[in-house]
Amino acid sequence: MIPKRLQFKITGTVYFFFILLISCGEANNVQSEEDSIKKVLTSMWDAIEKKDIDRYASYIHPDFTQFGETDSLLRQGKEAEVKGIGDWMKHTSNVHTEMHNPIISVKGNVAWITYYWSDGGTNDGKPFT
């Protein structure tokens, strides 16, 4: 028979181990969600790199808006975005984009990501970064 003081320690250890397993499972799930969110962006960038405008368009929401680093006006709507990127693609080659320091937040069925990026390639034969 196990003395009562040892029974508590064993029960407490098993309970702690169970909580630790649940926490690790939740952490793995969160990491999986974060990896999925990053993958969406990198897949979208891959479509640009491969000049696949239809695949790029599949990532763009109808209500998309963007104020790009070279834009003088807010680009509103999927149609405007796809047209703008399609026109830009005609003048670029060897485009590659990298994500830096992503911060991902998930609340229920909504997620958002903030990040820095660097990209480079050629535009009308001239290098850009």
C-alpha atoms as a PDB file:
ATOM      1  CA  MET A   1       0.000   0.000   0.000  1.00  0.00           C
ATOM      2  CA  ILE A   2       1.220   3.516  -0.857  1.00  0.00           C
ATOM      3  CA  PRO A   3       1.362   5.947   2.062  1.00  0.00           C
ATOM      4  CA  LYS A   4      -1.077   8.893   1.779  1.00  0.00           C
ATOM      5  CA  ARG A   5       1.725  11.468   1.493  1.00  0.00           C
ATOM      6  CA  LEU A   6       3.184   9.573  -1.527  1.00  0.00           C
ATOM      7  CA  GLN A   7      -0.269   9.090  -3.033  1.00  0.00           C
ATOM      8  CA  PHE A   8      -0.685  12.860  -3.192  1.00  0.00           C
ATOM      9  CA  LYS A   9       2.728  13.322  -4.782  1.00  0.00           C
ATOM     10  CA  ILE A  10       2.019  10.681  -7.398  1.00  0.00           C
ATOM     11  CA  THR A  11      -1.425  12.098  -8.133  1.00  0.00           C
ATOM     12  CA  GLY A  12      -0.022  15.619  -8.285  1.00  0.00           C
ATOM     13  CA  THR A  13       2.739  14.529 -10.659  1.00  0.00           C
ATOM     14  CA  VAL A  14       0.320  12.744 -12.962  1.00  0.00           C
ATOM     15  CA  TYR A  15      -1.992  15.774 -12.899  1.00  0.00           C
ATOM     16  CA  PHE A  16       0.906  18.133 -13.695  1.00  0.00           C
ATOM     17  CA  PHE A  17       2.071  15.855 -16.516  1.00  0.00           C
ATOM     18  CA  PHE A  18      -1.470  15.798 -17.949  1.00  0.00           C
ATOM     19  CA  ILE A  19      -1.650  19.613 -17.913  1.00  0.00           C
ATOM     20  CA  LEU A  20       1.772  19.768 -19.552  1.00  0.00           C
ATOM     21  CA  LEU A  21       0.601  17.426 -22.323  1.00  0.00           C
ATOM     22  CA  ILE A  22      -2.498  19.544 -22.946  1.00  0.00           C
ATOM     23  CA  SER A  23      -0.394  22.719 -23.063  1.00  0.00           C
ATOM     24  CA  CYS A  24       2.069  21.156 -25.501  1.00  0.00           C
ATOM     25  CA  GLY A  25      -0.806  20.030 -27.705  1.00  0.00           C
ATOM     26  CA  GLU A  26      -2.253  23.537 -27.724  1.00  0.00           C
ATOM     27  CA  ALA A  27       1.177  25.015 -28.489  1.00  0.00           C
ATOM     28  CA  ASN A  28       1.614  22.607 -31.406  1.00  0.00           C
ATOM     29  CA  ASN A  29      -1.851  23.542 -32.710  1.00  0.00           C
ATOM     30  CA  VAL A  30      -1.052  27.272 -32.495  1.00  0.00           C
ATOM     31  CA  GLN A  31       2.278  26.715 -34.270  1.00  0.00           C
ATOM     32  CA  SER A  32       0.482  24.752 -36.980  1.00  0.00           C
ATOM     33  CA  GLU A  33      -2.027  27.596 -37.471  1.00  0.00           C
ATOM     34  CA  GLU A  34       0.803  30.145 -37.620  1.00  0.00           C
ATOM     35  CA  ASP A  35       2.711  28.028 -40.154  1.00  0.00           C
ATOM     36  CA  SER A  36      -0.453  27.764 -42.270  1.00  0.00           C
ATOM     37  CA  ILE A  37      -0.933  31.526 -42.245  1.00  0.00           C
ATOM     38  CA  LYS A  38       2.689  32.141 -43.287  1.00  0.00           C
ATOM     39  CA  LYS A  39       2.336  29.506 -46.010  1.00  0.00           C
ATOM     40  CA  VAL A  40      -0.628  31.343 -47.552  1.00  0.00           C
ATOM     41  CA  LEU A  41       1.478  34.480 -47.983  1.00  0.00           C
ATOM     42  CA  THR A  42       4.556  32.673 -49.267  1.00  0.00           C
ATOM     43  CA  SER A  43       2.374  30.731 -51.740  1.00  0.00           C
ATOM     44  CA  MET A  44       0.868  33.999 -52.938  1.00  0.00           C
ATOM     45  CA  TRP A  45       4.363  35.452 -53.379  1.00  0.00           C
ATOM     46  CA  ASP A  46       5.382  32.281 -55.236  1.00  0.00           C
ATOM     47  CA  ALA A  47       2.549  32.921 -57.701  1.00  0.00           C
ATOM     48  CA  ILE A  48       3.989  36.386 -58.346  1.00  0.00           C
ATOM     49  CA  GLU A  49       7.506  34.983 -58.732  1.00  0.00           C
ATOM     50  CA  LYS A  50       6.203  32.483 -61.296  1.00  0.00           C
ATOM     51  CA  LYS A  51       4.029  35.133 -62.999  1.00  0.00           C
ATOM     52  CA  ASP A  52       0.910  33.045 -62.371  1.00  0.00           C
ATOM     53  CA  ILE A  53      -1.704  35.808 -62.220  1.00  0.00           C
ATOM     54  CA  ASP A  54      -4.639  33.380 -61.930  1.00  0.00           C
ATOM     55  CA  ARG A  55      -3.107  31.688 -58.878  1.00  0.00           C
ATOM     56  CA  TYR A  56      -2.286  35.089 -57.388  1.00  0.00           C
ATOM     57  CA  ALA A  57      -5.882  36.218 -57.948  1.00  0.00           C
ATOM     58  CA  SER A  58      -7.142  33.148 -56.043  1.00  0.00           C
ATOM     59  CA  TYR A  59      -5.621  34.625 -52.863  1.00  0.00           C
ATOM     60  CA  ILE A  60      -7.216  38.064 -53.210  1.00  0.00           C
ATOM     61  CA  HIS A  61     -10.496  38.855 -51.459  1.00  0.00           C
ATOM     62  CA  PRO A  62     -13.074  40.877 -53.438  1.00  0.00           C
ATOM     63  CA  ASP A  63     -12.816  43.698 -50.843  1.00  0.00           C
ATOM     64  CA  PHE A  64      -8.997  43.815 -50.948  1.00  0.00           C
ATOM     65  CA  THR A  65      -7.387  47.229 -50.520  1.00  0.00           C
ATOM     66  CA  GLN A  66      -3.729  48.148 -50.707  1.00  0.00           C
ATOM     67  CA  PHE A  67      -1.576  51.200 -50.521  1.00  0.00           C
ATOM     68  CA  GLY A  68       1.669  49.898 -51.991  1.00  0.00           C
ATOM     69  CA  GLU A  69       5.064  51.447 -51.469  1.00  0.00           C
ATOM     70  CA  THR A  70       5.000  53.077 -54.937  1.00  0.00           C
ATOM     71  CA  ASP A  71       1.262  53.804 -55.143  1.00  0.00           C
ATOM     72  CA  SER A  72      -0.029  57.352 -55.005  1.00  0.00           C
ATOM     73  CA  LEU A  73      -3.634  56.184 -54.505  1.00  0.00           C
ATOM     74  CA  LEU A  74      -5.301  53.438 -52.493  1.00  0.00           C
ATOM     75  CA  ARG A  75      -5.912  50.430 -54.741  1.00  0.00           C
ATOM     76  CA  GLN A  76      -9.409  49.144 -53.970  1.00  0.00           C
ATOM     77  CA  GLY A  77     -10.983  45.839 -54.913  1.00  0.00           C
ATOM     78  CA  LYS A  78      -9.753  42.553 -56.287  1.00  0.00           C
ATOM     79  CA  GLU A  79     -10.082  43.604 -59.920  1.00  0.00           C
ATOM     80  CA  ALA A  80      -7.847  46.654 -59.432  1.00  0.00           C
ATOM     81  CA  GLU A  81      -5.259  44.623 -57.500  1.00  0.00           C
ATOM     82  CA  VAL A  82      -5.085  41.789 -60.032  1.00  0.00           C
ATOM     83  CA  LYS A  83      -4.835  44.253 -62.928  1.00  0.00           C
ATOM     84  CA  GLY A  84      -2.101  46.252 -61.167  1.00  0.00           C
ATOM     85  CA  ILE A  85       0.011  43.206 -60.301  1.00  0.00           C
ATOM     86  CA  GLY A  86      -0.563  41.745 -63.771  1.00  0.00           C
ATOM     87  CA  ASP A  87       0.709  44.949 -65.393  1.00  0.00           C
ATOM     88  CA  TRP A  88       3.688  45.030 -63.011  1.00  0.00           C
ATOM     89  CA  MET A  89       4.512  41.374 -63.787  1.00  0.00           C
ATOM     90  CA  LYS A  90       4.912  42.250 -67.475  1.00  0.00           C
ATOM     91  CA  HIS A  91       7.919  44.426 -66.590  1.00  0.00           C
ATOM     92  CA  THR A  92       9.604  42.272 -63.924  1.00  0.00           C
ATOM     93  CA  SER A  93      11.733  39.162 -63.739  1.00  0.00           C
ATOM     94  CA  ASN A  94      13.600  37.159 -61.114  1.00  0.00           C
ATOM     95  CA  VAL A  95      11.343  38.496 -58.351  1.00  0.00           C
ATOM     96  CA  HIS A  96      11.816  36.961 -54.910  1.00  0.00           C
ATOM     97  CA  THR A  97      10.269  37.993 -51.572  1.00  0.00           C
ATOM     98  CA  GLU A  98      11.303  37.065 -48.030  1.00  0.00           C
ATOM     99  CA  MET A  99       9.280  37.525 -44.824  1.00  0.00           C
ATOM    100  CA  HIS A 100      10.978  38.821 -41.666  1.00  0.00           C
ATOM    101  CA  ASN A 101       9.804  38.869 -38.040  1.00  0.00           C
ATOM    102  CA  PRO A 102       6.206  37.752 -38.588  1.00  0.00           C
ATOM    103  CA  ILE A 103       3.814  38.288 -35.691  1.00  0.00           C
ATOM    104  CA  ILE A 104       0.629  36.270 -36.018  1.00  0.00           C
ATOM    105  CA  SER A 105      -2.539  36.665 -33.970  1.00  0.00           C
ATOM    106  CA  VAL A 106      -5.458  34.259 -34.036  1.00  0.00           C
ATOM    107  CA  LYS A 107      -8.764  35.051 -32.363  1.00  0.00           C
ATOM    108  CA  GLY A 108     -11.487  32.529 -33.092  1.00  0.00           C
ATOM    109  CA  ASN A 109     -11.806  32.191 -36.850  1.00  0.00           C
ATOM    110  CA  VAL A 110      -9.946  35.446 -37.589  1.00  0.00           C
ATOM    111  CA  ALA A 111      -6.184  35.730 -37.997  1.00  0.00           C
ATOM    112  CA  TRP A 112      -3.870  38.542 -38.956  1.00  0.00           C
ATOM    113  CA  ILE A 113      -0.169  38.832 -39.562  1.00  0.00           C
ATOM    114  CA  THR A 114       2.205  41.752 -39.433  1.00  0.00           C
ATOM    115  CA  TYR A 115       5.699  41.447 -40.850  1.00  0.00           C
ATOM    116  CA  TYR A 116       8.539  43.121 -42.644  1.00  0.00           C
ATOM    117  CA  TRP A 117       9.521  41.917 -46.069  1.00  0.00           C
ATOM    118  CA  SER A 118      12.344  42.299 -48.490  1.00  0.00           C
ATOM    119  CA  ASP A 119      12.118  41.627 -52.170  1.00  0.00           C
ATOM    120  CA  GLY A 120      14.228  42.012 -55.217  1.00  0.00           C
ATOM    121  CA  GLY A 121      14.355  41.322 -58.908  1.00  0.00           C
ATOM    122  CA  THR A 122      14.522  43.323 -62.082  1.00  0.00           C
ATOM    123  CA  ASN A 123      12.008  45.854 -63.380  1.00  0.00           C
ATOM    124  CA  ASP A 124      12.430  46.885 -67.017  1.00  0.00           C
ATOM    125  CA  GLY A 125      15.889  45.314 -66.870  1.00  0.00           C
ATOM    126  CA  LYS A 126      17.010  47.348 -63.838  1.00  0.00           C
ATOM    127  CA  PRO A 127      17.630  45.677 -60.454  1.00  0.00           C
ATOM    128  CA  PHE A 128      15.350  46.626 -57.568  1.00  0.00           C
ATOM    129  CA  THR A 129      15.217  45.793 -53.877  1.00  0.00           C
END
